[in-house]
Amino acid sequence: MNYIKWFIKLRFLVLKNSLFKDTKVFVRTLSIAIAIITGQIVFINILYKNIFSNIAISDEVVNGILIVFFFVAVIWIYLTSFVQSISTFIRNFYKSPDMNYLITIPVPLNYVFLFKFFEHIISSIKSMLFLFFPFLVALGMWVNAPFAYYISILPLYIMISIIPCAIGVMVAMVGSRIVSVKVFNIATSIITFAINISFAVLFARTQDVSTTYIIKVVELLEKPWVSDIVPITASIRLVYSMVIGEWPAYPALFLLMVSILFITIAFMISKRMFFEGWAKNQLVENQDNKKKSIESDECKEGKRNEIIEWIKTEWKMAIRNNEMIMGSALLFFFYLFAIFTFLYGGLFSNNPLLGVSLLITIASIFNIIAVSILFIPADITKDKSLWKKRYWLLKVMPLEGGKVFNMQCNMFFIPAYVISIVGIIAYSVVNGLSIQLISLSILSMFFILYGSSAIYITGELLSLTDFFENNAFLGNLITLVLPLLYGILSAGSIALFLAKDIVSEIIILSDISVIINLPIVIILSVTTVVAAYLLSKTVFIRVWKRLEI
């Protein structure tokens, strides 16, 4: 117990210094909090006004619909928590920067595991609650839930996510101990990818689910004791009871007991496996016997272009960055999810050009960022001040800023473009687009995605300047906001023009769609791509000259 109290005090001190150290830090924390709350309020209003308020159902079936909504939400929480626990285990538990300190202090290793487990739950909550909180609040507004429901959303989410997090951590701890790190990362990537694709396919086919299954789910939740003991059904009953103003004592009690049981099992397993797994991940394989004979540097310079050589070297390092594969795959999942939803759900089959434009929009926002994750070593992900050191070799080489810009841009663009056009071609062929339109889509994807790559690398370099290092939140924000705005203006405007009939009842989008036509959309898209590339290159070169490492 003393170890846990010490850990709580340590984390509280770290939190206090990082958020309220002085006036400047306090103002920054307050600004971030206001921005987050504002974003959540906007997202909640969008969900409520554009989705839930348009659901017209009779009072007799409200309870059944609520149960279905909560069933989907709980399954989603379980899947995402389980997958995230497996995919981030090595990075958060074995290769976290503070492990070098925690491993040396006189604290049993199973308690160190317990510390990291609670940190992992908090981290999981911070990353996923941005999606779930607005959804659950908007759902509560739709059914006029009591005030206690909104207060209980965070505690309920924590209670629900503990069990899948514990299961995921145990699976990862045992799996990383049995097999090599490389095999474990590849296996978890494949399993996680399969789970995500399966969920995407099932989600896309929800309209085909028979009402018989929905009735069975409702009947199961109405059975006493059975629905209280099973963690998933207990979670659904807990959330459902809170939204209708009740407090189910038995589901809460059993869920708490099962959560403690899984934490205890994970704690006991960590006594034997956690240190061995940590030590296994610290070993560096001796490569002396695996070196191949290579040409001299002088001979290489005469034969090959230095830009190509640099990109190839970076790609080799990215492929070996097993710890970050899952993070990259999760971002690619947005694009893959859209493809499977469009294909299996038959969305936009009457207007496949709209589907193509939406896929290009999603690719321009997510795919470049997904590729870039592989180029970031896992041990510096939480400390952006160390990102500069990735550029030190380029900085000392006799290369102009324009060449460095081209290197970085092509390094991210080529793999993202290859993956993106595969999805575009698959969707286009299934929906019967002509060769001319497919070729035009591929060409449009080329220019739009290249502009997205230029925007991203410039935003990333800007975030490493002194101003944004002192304002890390703004630095992280520009690397996300700039690609989002670019994707909306370059490809999203085309999608909006093609979706005039679909968005006619959506207030803001319908007003915008009325004033745009084909010439305006083409001019806006081309101007956005050209301006983004030229402006990004100019800013990159200037920042590169002044960057100090």
Protein backbone atom coordinates (compact mmCIF):
# COMPACT_ATOMS: atom_id res chain seq x y z
CA MET A 1 0.00 0.00 0.00
CA ASN A 2 2.88 2.35 0.77
CA TYR A 3 4.24 1.83 -2.74
CA ILE A 4 0.91 2.86 -4.25
CA LYS A 5 0.73 5.98 -2.05
CA TRP A 6 4.28 6.90 -3.08
CA PHE A 7 3.42 6.44 -6.75
CA ILE A 8 0.28 8.60 -6.45
CA LYS A 9 2.29 11.37 -4.77
CA LEU A 10 4.97 11.15 -7.46
CA ARG A 11 2.46 11.38 -10.31
CA PHE A 12 0.59 14.18 -8.58
CA LEU A 13 3.85 16.14 -8.27
CA VAL A 14 4.65 15.56 -11.95
CA LEU A 15 1.14 16.61 -12.92
CA LYS A 16 1.35 19.71 -10.74
CA ASN A 17 4.67 20.78 -12.26
CA SER A 18 3.52 20.16 -15.82
CA LEU A 19 0.18 21.98 -15.47
CA PHE A 20 0.50 24.56 -12.66
CA LYS A 21 4.21 25.20 -12.21
CA ASP A 22 4.04 28.98 -12.74
CA THR A 23 1.75 31.63 -14.20
CA LYS A 24 2.84 30.97 -17.78
CA VAL A 25 2.24 27.23 -17.50
CA PHE A 26 -1.10 27.83 -15.76
CA VAL A 27 -2.29 30.16 -18.54
CA ARG A 28 -1.26 27.57 -21.15
CA THR A 29 -3.10 24.83 -19.24
CA LEU A 30 -6.20 27.00 -18.95
CA SER A 31 -6.09 27.80 -22.68
CA ILE A 32 -5.82 24.12 -23.59
CA ALA A 33 -8.69 23.24 -21.25
CA ILE A 34 -10.91 25.93 -22.78
CA ALA A 35 -10.04 24.73 -26.30
CA ILE A 36 -10.83 21.10 -25.41
CA ILE A 37 -14.12 21.97 -23.71
CA THR A 38 -15.13 24.18 -26.63
CA GLY A 39 -14.33 21.41 -29.10
CA GLN A 40 -16.34 18.89 -27.07
CA ILE A 41 -19.34 21.22 -26.91
CA VAL A 42 -19.23 21.78 -30.66
CA PHE A 43 -18.93 18.04 -31.32
CA ILE A 44 -21.83 17.28 -28.97
CA ASN A 45 -24.07 19.83 -30.70
CA ILE A 46 -23.18 18.42 -34.12
CA LEU A 47 -24.05 14.88 -33.01
CA TYR A 48 -27.27 15.94 -31.32
CA LYS A 49 -28.62 18.29 -34.01
CA ASN A 50 -27.52 16.34 -37.10
CA ILE A 51 -27.94 12.72 -35.93
CA PHE A 52 -29.98 12.10 -32.80
CA SER A 53 -32.56 14.86 -33.28
CA ASN A 54 -33.36 13.40 -36.72
CA ILE A 55 -34.20 9.97 -35.30
CA ALA A 56 -37.99 9.84 -35.24
CA ILE A 57 -39.26 6.87 -33.23
CA SER A 58 -42.25 6.17 -31.03
CA ASP A 59 -42.00 6.17 -27.25
CA GLU A 60 -42.66 2.42 -27.13
CA VAL A 61 -39.37 1.51 -28.85
CA VAL A 62 -37.12 4.13 -27.22
CA ASN A 63 -35.90 1.69 -24.56
CA GLY A 64 -35.03 -0.94 -27.16
CA ILE A 65 -33.13 1.57 -29.30
CA LEU A 66 -31.25 2.82 -26.23
CA ILE A 67 -30.15 -0.70 -25.36
CA VAL A 68 -28.94 -1.25 -28.94
CA PHE A 69 -26.98 2.02 -28.83
CA PHE A 70 -25.37 1.12 -25.51
CA PHE A 71 -24.66 -2.42 -26.70
CA VAL A 72 -22.72 -1.04 -29.69
CA ALA A 73 -20.94 1.52 -27.46
CA VAL A 74 -19.85 -1.07 -24.87
CA ILE A 75 -18.64 -3.53 -27.52
CA TRP A 76 -16.71 -0.68 -29.12
CA ILE A 77 -15.12 0.25 -25.78
CA TYR A 78 -14.14 -3.37 -25.13
CA LEU A 79 -12.61 -3.83 -28.58
CA THR A 80 -10.71 -0.54 -28.65
CA SER A 81 -9.41 -0.93 -25.09
CA PHE A 82 -8.30 -4.52 -25.70
CA VAL A 83 -6.63 -3.72 -29.03
CA GLN A 84 -4.96 -0.58 -27.69
CA SER A 85 -3.60 -2.47 -24.67
CA ILE A 86 -1.97 -5.11 -26.86
CA SER A 87 -0.62 -2.72 -29.49
CA THR A 88 0.90 -0.20 -27.05
CA PHE A 89 2.14 -2.63 -24.40
CA ILE A 90 5.81 -2.77 -25.34
CA ARG A 91 6.00 0.99 -25.93
CA ASN A 92 4.18 1.99 -22.73
CA PHE A 93 5.39 -0.73 -20.36
CA TYR A 94 8.85 -1.88 -21.50
CA LYS A 95 10.23 1.05 -23.49
CA SER A 96 8.73 3.96 -21.62
CA PRO A 97 11.44 6.55 -20.72
CA ASP A 98 10.62 6.44 -17.00
CA MET A 99 11.22 2.68 -16.83
CA ASN A 100 14.97 3.28 -16.58
CA TYR A 101 14.26 5.13 -13.33
CA LEU A 102 11.52 2.87 -11.96
CA ILE A 103 13.54 -0.29 -12.57
CA THR A 104 16.39 0.96 -10.34
CA ILE A 105 14.43 2.05 -7.27
CA PRO A 106 13.75 -0.41 -4.40
CA VAL A 107 10.19 -1.22 -5.47
CA PRO A 108 9.04 -4.73 -6.43
CA LEU A 109 8.62 -5.14 -10.18
CA ASN A 110 5.01 -6.25 -9.90
CA TYR A 111 4.22 -2.91 -8.25
CA VAL A 112 6.03 -1.13 -11.07
CA PHE A 113 3.76 -3.05 -13.43
CA LEU A 114 0.74 -1.94 -11.40
CA PHE A 115 1.90 1.70 -11.66
CA LYS A 116 2.26 1.42 -15.43
CA PHE A 117 -1.10 -0.33 -15.72
CA PHE A 118 -2.94 2.54 -14.01
CA GLU A 119 -1.03 5.00 -16.20
CA HIS A 120 -2.09 3.01 -19.24
CA ILE A 121 -5.76 3.16 -18.22
CA ILE A 122 -5.54 6.94 -17.76
CA SER A 123 -3.79 7.30 -21.12
CA SER A 124 -6.43 5.11 -22.77
CA ILE A 125 -9.19 7.19 -21.25
CA LYS A 126 -7.63 10.46 -22.44
CA SER A 127 -7.26 9.21 -26.00
CA MET A 128 -10.66 7.50 -26.38
CA LEU A 129 -12.97 9.63 -24.25
CA PHE A 130 -12.82 12.40 -26.87
CA LEU A 131 -14.83 10.06 -29.10
CA PHE A 132 -17.11 8.43 -26.52
CA PHE A 133 -17.94 11.39 -24.28
CA PRO A 134 -19.69 13.52 -26.96
CA PHE A 135 -21.57 10.45 -28.21
CA LEU A 136 -22.82 9.52 -24.73
CA VAL A 137 -23.71 13.12 -23.85
CA ALA A 138 -25.62 13.64 -27.11
CA LEU A 139 -27.44 10.35 -26.50
CA GLY A 140 -28.38 11.54 -23.02
CA MET A 141 -29.68 14.84 -24.40
CA TRP A 142 -31.80 12.92 -26.90
CA VAL A 143 -33.65 11.02 -24.13
CA ASN A 144 -33.57 13.84 -21.52
CA ALA A 145 -31.30 11.92 -19.15
CA PRO A 146 -30.94 13.19 -15.55
CA PHE A 147 -27.95 15.29 -14.51
CA ALA A 148 -26.43 12.37 -12.58
CA TYR A 149 -25.96 10.51 -15.87
CA TYR A 150 -23.63 13.16 -17.30
CA ILE A 151 -21.56 13.22 -14.11
CA SER A 152 -21.26 9.43 -14.14
CA ILE A 153 -20.00 9.11 -17.74
CA LEU A 154 -16.30 9.29 -16.79
CA PRO A 155 -16.50 6.83 -13.82
CA LEU A 156 -18.62 4.47 -15.92
CA TYR A 157 -16.10 4.56 -18.77
CA ILE A 158 -13.27 3.76 -16.35
CA MET A 159 -15.18 0.82 -14.85
CA ILE A 160 -16.05 -0.58 -18.27
CA SER A 161 -12.54 -0.25 -19.75
CA ILE A 162 -10.60 -1.85 -16.86
CA ILE A 163 -11.44 -5.45 -17.78
CA PRO A 164 -10.52 -5.30 -21.50
CA CYS A 165 -7.38 -3.32 -20.63
CA ALA A 166 -6.33 -5.97 -18.09
CA ILE A 167 -7.02 -8.81 -20.54
CA GLY A 168 -5.09 -7.04 -23.31
CA VAL A 169 -2.12 -6.37 -21.04
CA MET A 170 -2.02 -9.99 -19.85
CA VAL A 171 -2.18 -11.31 -23.41
CA ALA A 172 0.61 -8.93 -24.43
CA MET A 173 2.77 -9.78 -21.41
CA VAL A 174 2.52 -13.53 -22.00
CA GLY A 175 2.83 -13.22 -25.78
CA SER A 176 5.93 -11.00 -25.69
CA ARG A 177 7.53 -13.46 -23.25
CA ILE A 178 6.88 -16.54 -25.41
CA VAL A 179 7.86 -15.18 -28.82
CA SER A 180 10.43 -12.67 -30.05
CA VAL A 181 9.66 -8.96 -30.09
CA LYS A 182 9.55 -8.88 -33.89
CA VAL A 183 7.15 -11.84 -34.13
CA PHE A 184 4.99 -10.39 -31.34
CA ASN A 185 4.66 -7.01 -33.05
CA ILE A 186 3.84 -8.58 -36.40
CA ALA A 187 1.31 -10.96 -34.83
CA THR A 188 -0.42 -8.21 -32.82
CA SER A 189 -0.54 -6.00 -35.91
CA ILE A 190 -2.23 -8.75 -37.93
CA ILE A 191 -4.69 -9.60 -35.13
CA THR A 192 -5.54 -5.95 -34.52
CA PHE A 193 -5.96 -5.33 -38.23
CA ALA A 194 -8.27 -8.36 -38.52
CA ILE A 195 -10.38 -7.17 -35.56
CA ASN A 196 -10.69 -3.67 -37.01
CA ILE A 197 -11.62 -4.93 -40.47
CA SER A 198 -14.17 -7.35 -38.99
CA PHE A 199 -15.72 -4.54 -36.99
CA ALA A 200 -15.80 -2.34 -40.10
CA VAL A 201 -17.56 -5.07 -42.12
CA LEU A 202 -20.08 -5.76 -39.35
CA PHE A 203 -20.75 -2.05 -38.88
CA ALA A 204 -21.30 -1.64 -42.61
CA ARG A 205 -23.85 -4.46 -42.59
CA THR A 206 -25.85 -3.36 -39.55
CA GLN A 207 -28.89 -2.62 -41.69
CA ASP A 208 -29.12 -6.36 -42.45
CA VAL A 209 -29.30 -7.38 -38.78
CA SER A 210 -32.59 -9.06 -38.03
CA THR A 211 -34.84 -7.60 -35.37
CA THR A 212 -34.91 -11.08 -33.85
CA TYR A 213 -31.33 -10.64 -32.62
CA ILE A 214 -32.14 -7.22 -31.18
CA ILE A 215 -35.08 -8.72 -29.28
CA LYS A 216 -32.81 -11.48 -27.92
CA VAL A 217 -30.30 -8.90 -26.66
CA VAL A 218 -33.07 -6.98 -24.91
CA GLU A 219 -34.44 -10.18 -23.36
CA LEU A 220 -30.97 -11.15 -22.14
CA LEU A 221 -30.54 -7.82 -20.39
CA GLU A 222 -33.90 -8.24 -18.68
CA LYS A 223 -32.91 -11.57 -17.09
CA PRO A 224 -31.88 -11.14 -13.45
CA TRP A 225 -28.46 -12.31 -12.24
CA VAL A 226 -27.30 -13.51 -15.67
CA SER A 227 -27.01 -9.99 -17.05
CA ASP A 228 -25.52 -8.80 -13.74
CA ILE A 229 -22.66 -11.29 -13.69
CA VAL A 230 -21.44 -11.12 -17.30
CA PRO A 231 -19.17 -8.02 -17.56
CA ILE A 232 -20.43 -6.86 -20.98
CA THR A 233 -24.13 -7.13 -20.13
CA ALA A 234 -23.49 -5.66 -16.66
CA SER A 235 -21.81 -2.68 -18.33
CA ILE A 236 -24.78 -2.18 -20.65
CA ARG A 237 -27.26 -2.41 -17.79
CA LEU A 238 -25.20 0.03 -15.73
CA VAL A 239 -25.15 2.71 -18.42
CA TYR A 240 -28.77 2.13 -19.39
CA SER A 241 -29.96 2.38 -15.78
CA MET A 242 -28.09 5.65 -15.26
CA VAL A 243 -29.64 7.23 -18.35
CA ILE A 244 -33.17 6.45 -17.11
CA GLY A 245 -32.39 7.71 -13.60
CA GLU A 246 -31.82 4.46 -11.72
CA TRP A 247 -28.81 2.99 -9.89
CA PRO A 248 -28.33 -0.76 -10.43
CA ALA A 249 -26.46 -1.95 -7.36
CA TYR A 250 -25.84 -5.54 -8.42
CA PRO A 251 -24.36 -4.88 -11.91
CA ALA A 252 -22.07 -2.21 -10.41
CA LEU A 253 -20.98 -4.53 -7.60
CA PHE A 254 -20.28 -7.52 -9.84
CA LEU A 255 -18.49 -5.36 -12.43
CA LEU A 256 -16.28 -3.89 -9.71
CA MET A 257 -15.52 -7.35 -8.28
CA VAL A 258 -14.63 -8.81 -11.70
CA SER A 259 -12.45 -5.77 -12.47
CA ILE A 260 -10.52 -6.24 -9.21
CA LEU A 261 -10.19 -9.95 -9.99
CA PHE A 262 -8.63 -9.29 -13.41
CA ILE A 263 -6.28 -6.66 -11.98
CA THR A 264 -5.21 -9.15 -9.29
CA ILE A 265 -4.56 -11.87 -11.88
CA ALA A 266 -2.49 -9.47 -13.99
CA PHE A 267 -0.61 -8.39 -10.84
CA MET A 268 0.22 -12.01 -9.99
CA ILE A 269 1.33 -12.83 -13.55
CA SER A 270 3.61 -9.79 -13.55
CA LYS A 271 5.57 -11.20 -10.59
CA ARG A 272 7.17 -13.77 -12.89
CA MET A 273 6.90 -12.31 -16.36
CA PHE A 274 7.19 -8.54 -16.21
CA PHE A 275 10.91 -8.26 -15.42
CA GLU A 276 11.83 -11.06 -17.83
CA GLY A 277 9.86 -9.36 -20.59
CA TRP A 278 11.46 -6.00 -19.83
CA ALA A 279 14.97 -7.50 -19.86
CA LYS A 280 14.23 -9.31 -23.13
CA ASN A 281 13.27 -6.03 -24.77
CA GLN A 282 16.48 -4.33 -23.67
CA LEU A 283 18.75 -6.76 -25.50
CA VAL A 284 20.40 -5.45 -28.64
CA GLU A 285 21.22 -8.14 -31.14
CA ASN A 286 24.81 -8.18 -32.29
CA GLN A 287 24.85 -7.37 -35.96
CA ASP A 288 28.60 -7.87 -36.53
CA ASN A 289 28.13 -11.31 -38.00
CA LYS A 290 25.26 -10.18 -40.23
CA LYS A 291 26.96 -7.33 -42.01
CA LYS A 292 27.14 -7.57 -45.72
CA SER A 293 29.90 -6.29 -47.89
CA ILE A 294 28.97 -2.87 -49.29
CA GLU A 295 30.47 -0.47 -51.72
CA SER A 296 32.57 2.44 -50.55
CA ASP A 297 30.89 5.78 -49.95
CA GLU A 298 32.80 7.36 -52.82
CA CYS A 299 31.57 4.69 -55.25
CA LYS A 300 28.00 5.09 -54.06
CA GLU A 301 28.07 8.83 -54.56
CA GLY A 302 29.09 8.33 -58.12
CA LYS A 303 26.33 5.85 -58.88
CA ARG A 304 23.27 6.94 -56.96
CA ASN A 305 21.42 10.08 -56.05
CA GLU A 306 21.76 11.04 -52.38
CA ILE A 307 18.03 11.78 -52.09
CA ILE A 308 17.13 8.24 -53.19
CA GLU A 309 19.74 6.75 -50.87
CA TRP A 310 18.50 8.75 -47.90
CA ILE A 311 14.87 7.80 -48.53
CA LYS A 312 15.75 4.11 -48.88
CA THR A 313 17.69 4.21 -45.62
CA GLU A 314 14.81 5.88 -43.81
CA TRP A 315 12.37 3.35 -45.21
CA LYS A 316 14.52 0.47 -43.96
CA MET A 317 14.55 1.99 -40.47
CA ALA A 318 10.78 2.57 -40.59
CA ILE A 319 10.10 -1.05 -41.56
CA ARG A 320 12.13 -2.18 -38.53
CA ASN A 321 10.26 0.18 -36.18
CA ASN A 322 8.03 -2.61 -34.91
CA GLU A 323 6.86 -0.68 -31.85
CA MET A 324 5.10 1.95 -33.97
CA ILE A 325 3.50 -0.35 -36.55
CA MET A 326 0.24 -0.55 -34.64
CA GLY A 327 -0.03 3.20 -34.25
CA SER A 328 0.38 3.59 -37.99
CA ALA A 329 -2.14 0.82 -38.71
CA LEU A 330 -4.74 2.43 -36.45
CA LEU A 331 -4.59 5.65 -38.46
CA PHE A 332 -4.75 3.75 -41.73
CA PHE A 333 -7.84 2.08 -40.29
CA PHE A 334 -9.87 5.26 -40.93
CA TYR A 335 -9.18 4.91 -44.65
CA LEU A 336 -9.72 1.15 -44.69
CA PHE A 337 -12.88 1.49 -42.62
CA ALA A 338 -14.26 3.97 -45.15
CA ILE A 339 -13.46 1.63 -48.06
CA PHE A 340 -15.11 -1.40 -46.45
CA THR A 341 -18.10 0.67 -45.34
CA PHE A 342 -18.59 2.06 -48.84
CA LEU A 343 -18.16 -1.34 -50.50
CA TYR A 344 -20.08 -3.64 -48.17
CA GLY A 345 -22.68 -1.05 -47.24
CA GLY A 346 -23.32 -0.10 -50.86
CA LEU A 347 -22.87 3.56 -49.99
CA PHE A 348 -22.76 6.01 -52.90
CA SER A 349 -23.17 3.17 -55.40
CA ASN A 350 -25.45 5.48 -57.40
CA ASN A 351 -22.80 8.22 -57.33
CA PRO A 352 -19.40 6.50 -57.11
CA LEU A 353 -17.52 9.73 -57.86
CA LEU A 354 -18.74 11.03 -54.51
CA GLY A 355 -17.33 7.93 -52.83
CA VAL A 356 -14.00 8.42 -54.59
CA SER A 357 -13.80 12.09 -53.56
CA LEU A 358 -14.59 11.18 -49.96
CA LEU A 359 -11.87 8.51 -49.98
CA ILE A 360 -9.37 11.04 -51.36
CA THR A 361 -10.39 13.47 -48.60
CA ILE A 362 -9.88 10.85 -45.89
CA ALA A 363 -6.54 9.77 -47.41
CA SER A 364 -5.26 13.36 -47.55
CA ILE A 365 -6.04 13.83 -43.85
CA PHE A 366 -4.92 10.51 -42.33
CA ASN A 367 -2.62 8.52 -44.62
CA ILE A 368 0.40 10.84 -44.58
CA ILE A 369 0.25 11.05 -40.78
CA ALA A 370 -0.11 7.26 -40.60
CA VAL A 371 3.07 6.76 -42.64
CA SER A 372 5.01 9.40 -40.67
CA ILE A 373 4.43 7.53 -37.39
CA LEU A 374 6.73 4.73 -38.56
CA PHE A 375 9.62 7.19 -38.82
CA ILE A 376 9.38 8.21 -35.14
CA PRO A 377 11.35 6.03 -32.68
CA ALA A 378 9.14 4.74 -29.88
CA ASP A 379 11.40 6.05 -27.13
CA ILE A 380 10.94 9.71 -28.12
CA THR A 381 7.20 9.77 -28.83
CA LYS A 382 6.37 11.42 -25.51
CA ASP A 383 9.15 14.02 -25.67
CA LYS A 384 8.89 16.18 -28.76
CA SER A 385 12.04 18.09 -27.85
CA LEU A 386 13.97 14.95 -28.86
CA TRP A 387 12.43 14.94 -32.33
CA LYS A 388 14.96 17.54 -33.46
CA LYS A 389 17.76 15.02 -33.11
CA ARG A 390 16.33 13.07 -36.03
CA TYR A 391 17.45 15.94 -38.26
CA TRP A 392 20.98 16.41 -36.99
CA LEU A 393 22.61 14.30 -39.73
CA LEU A 394 20.71 16.14 -42.46
CA LYS A 395 21.65 19.42 -40.83
CA VAL A 396 25.39 18.76 -40.96
CA MET A 397 25.26 17.46 -44.55
CA PRO A 398 25.93 19.94 -47.37
CA LEU A 399 22.29 19.95 -48.48
CA GLU A 400 20.09 22.91 -49.24
CA GLY A 401 16.68 23.29 -47.60
CA GLY A 402 14.92 22.57 -50.90
CA LYS A 403 16.58 19.16 -51.19
CA VAL A 404 15.74 18.30 -47.59
CA PHE A 405 12.14 19.31 -48.28
CA ASN A 406 11.99 17.00 -51.31
CA MET A 407 13.52 14.13 -49.32
CA GLN A 408 11.06 14.39 -46.46
CA CYS A 409 8.10 14.98 -48.75
CA ASN A 410 8.79 11.96 -50.98
CA MET A 411 9.69 9.80 -48.01
CA PHE A 412 6.12 10.06 -46.66
CA PHE A 413 4.29 10.52 -49.95
CA ILE A 414 5.34 7.42 -51.91
CA PRO A 415 4.15 4.69 -49.48
CA ALA A 416 1.00 6.67 -48.61
CA TYR A 417 0.18 7.13 -52.30
CA VAL A 418 0.68 3.44 -53.12
CA ILE A 419 -1.66 2.39 -50.31
CA SER A 420 -4.21 5.07 -51.20
CA ILE A 421 -4.48 4.26 -54.90
CA VAL A 422 -5.04 0.57 -54.14
CA GLY A 423 -8.17 1.53 -52.20
CA ILE A 424 -9.31 3.99 -54.88
CA ILE A 425 -8.86 1.43 -57.67
CA ALA A 426 -10.67 -1.31 -55.70
CA TYR A 427 -13.64 0.94 -54.97
CA SER A 428 -13.77 2.31 -58.53
CA VAL A 429 -13.64 -1.11 -60.19
CA VAL A 430 -16.37 -2.56 -57.95
CA ASN A 431 -18.64 0.39 -58.69
CA GLY A 432 -18.00 0.27 -62.45
CA LEU A 433 -16.18 3.56 -63.06
CA SER A 434 -14.64 3.97 -66.49
CA ILE A 435 -10.88 3.80 -67.13
CA GLN A 436 -10.84 7.54 -67.81
CA LEU A 437 -12.46 8.40 -64.49
CA ILE A 438 -10.21 5.96 -62.60
CA SER A 439 -7.13 7.54 -64.23
CA LEU A 440 -8.41 11.02 -63.32
CA SER A 441 -8.98 9.91 -59.73
CA ILE A 442 -5.46 8.48 -59.48
CA LEU A 443 -3.98 11.67 -60.93
CA SER A 444 -6.02 13.85 -58.56
CA MET A 445 -4.91 11.69 -55.65
CA PHE A 446 -1.28 12.20 -56.69
CA PHE A 447 -1.36 16.00 -56.52
CA ILE A 448 -3.63 16.25 -53.47
CA LEU A 449 -1.64 13.70 -51.45
CA TYR A 450 1.68 15.32 -52.41
CA GLY A 451 0.35 18.64 -51.13
CA SER A 452 -0.75 16.91 -47.94
CA SER A 453 2.76 15.52 -47.47
CA ALA A 454 4.23 19.00 -47.97
CA ILE A 455 1.79 20.49 -45.46
CA TYR A 456 2.53 17.83 -42.85
CA ILE A 457 6.34 17.95 -42.94
CA THR A 458 6.28 21.75 -42.79
CA GLY A 459 3.89 21.70 -39.85
CA GLU A 460 6.06 19.12 -38.10
CA LEU A 461 9.20 21.24 -38.62
CA LEU A 462 7.38 24.36 -37.39
CA SER A 463 6.37 22.48 -34.24
CA LEU A 464 10.08 21.99 -33.44
CA THR A 465 10.89 25.71 -33.40
CA ASP A 466 11.54 27.45 -30.09
CA PHE A 467 8.10 29.09 -29.96
CA PHE A 468 6.17 25.87 -30.44
CA GLU A 469 8.50 23.91 -28.16
CA ASN A 470 7.47 26.29 -25.38
CA ASN A 471 3.85 25.89 -26.47
CA ALA A 472 3.76 22.15 -27.18
CA PHE A 473 -0.02 22.01 -27.45
CA LEU A 474 -0.04 24.53 -30.30
CA GLY A 475 2.79 22.62 -31.98
CA ASN A 476 0.83 19.37 -31.84
CA LEU A 477 -2.30 21.19 -32.95
CA ILE A 478 -0.85 22.59 -36.18
CA THR A 479 0.38 19.15 -37.27
CA LEU A 480 -3.24 17.94 -37.05
CA VAL A 481 -5.26 21.01 -38.00
CA LEU A 482 -3.29 21.94 -41.13
CA PRO A 483 -3.77 18.55 -42.88
CA LEU A 484 -7.44 18.60 -41.84
CA LEU A 485 -8.08 22.04 -43.33
CA TYR A 486 -6.10 21.13 -46.43
CA GLY A 487 -8.08 17.91 -46.96
CA ILE A 488 -11.40 19.71 -46.57
CA LEU A 489 -10.50 22.49 -49.03
CA SER A 490 -8.71 20.39 -51.65
CA ALA A 491 -10.87 17.24 -51.88
CA GLY A 492 -13.68 17.85 -49.41
CA SER A 493 -15.02 20.74 -51.49
CA ILE A 494 -15.39 18.38 -54.48
CA ALA A 495 -17.22 15.86 -52.30
CA LEU A 496 -19.56 18.58 -51.04
CA PHE A 497 -20.38 19.64 -54.60
CA LEU A 498 -21.20 16.04 -55.56
CA ALA A 499 -23.28 15.54 -52.39
CA LYS A 500 -25.66 18.49 -52.86
CA ASP A 501 -28.74 16.31 -52.71
CA ILE A 502 -27.53 14.34 -49.70
CA VAL A 503 -26.64 17.38 -47.53
CA SER A 504 -29.72 19.41 -48.48
CA GLU A 505 -31.18 18.96 -44.98
CA ILE A 506 -27.96 19.65 -43.05
CA ILE A 507 -28.01 23.32 -42.06
CA ILE A 508 -24.43 24.53 -42.57
CA LEU A 509 -23.43 22.19 -45.42
CA SER A 510 -26.61 22.85 -47.39
CA ASP A 511 -25.99 26.61 -47.27
CA ILE A 512 -22.46 26.18 -48.57
CA SER A 513 -23.43 23.68 -51.28
CA VAL A 514 -25.95 26.14 -52.74
CA ILE A 515 -23.32 28.77 -53.59
CA ILE A 516 -20.73 26.43 -55.14
CA ASN A 517 -20.61 25.07 -58.68
CA LEU A 518 -18.15 23.02 -60.72
CA PRO A 519 -15.85 25.89 -61.83
CA ILE A 520 -15.65 27.26 -58.28
CA VAL A 521 -14.85 23.82 -56.88
CA ILE A 522 -12.13 23.14 -59.45
CA ILE A 523 -10.53 26.55 -58.92
CA LEU A 524 -10.66 26.15 -55.12
CA SER A 525 -9.16 22.66 -55.22
CA VAL A 526 -6.34 23.50 -57.66
CA THR A 527 -5.54 26.76 -55.85
CA THR A 528 -5.43 24.98 -52.50
CA VAL A 529 -3.04 22.29 -53.76
CA VAL A 530 -0.67 24.72 -55.55
CA ALA A 531 -0.70 27.30 -52.76
CA ALA A 532 -0.19 24.63 -50.09
CA TYR A 533 2.83 23.18 -51.88
CA LEU A 534 4.51 26.52 -52.67
CA LEU A 535 3.83 28.02 -49.24
CA SER A 536 4.94 24.84 -47.45
CA LYS A 537 8.21 24.71 -49.38
CA THR A 538 8.95 28.40 -48.74
CA VAL A 539 8.23 28.12 -45.01
CA PHE A 540 10.16 24.84 -44.71
CA ILE A 541 13.30 26.32 -46.30
CA ARG A 542 13.22 29.40 -44.08
CA VAL A 543 12.63 27.42 -40.90
CA TRP A 544 15.31 24.90 -41.88
CA LYS A 545 17.94 27.63 -42.22
CA ARG A 546 17.18 28.95 -38.73
CA LEU A 547 16.67 25.60 -37.02
CA GLU A 548 19.26 24.92 -34.30
CA ILE A 549 19.90 21.39 -33.14
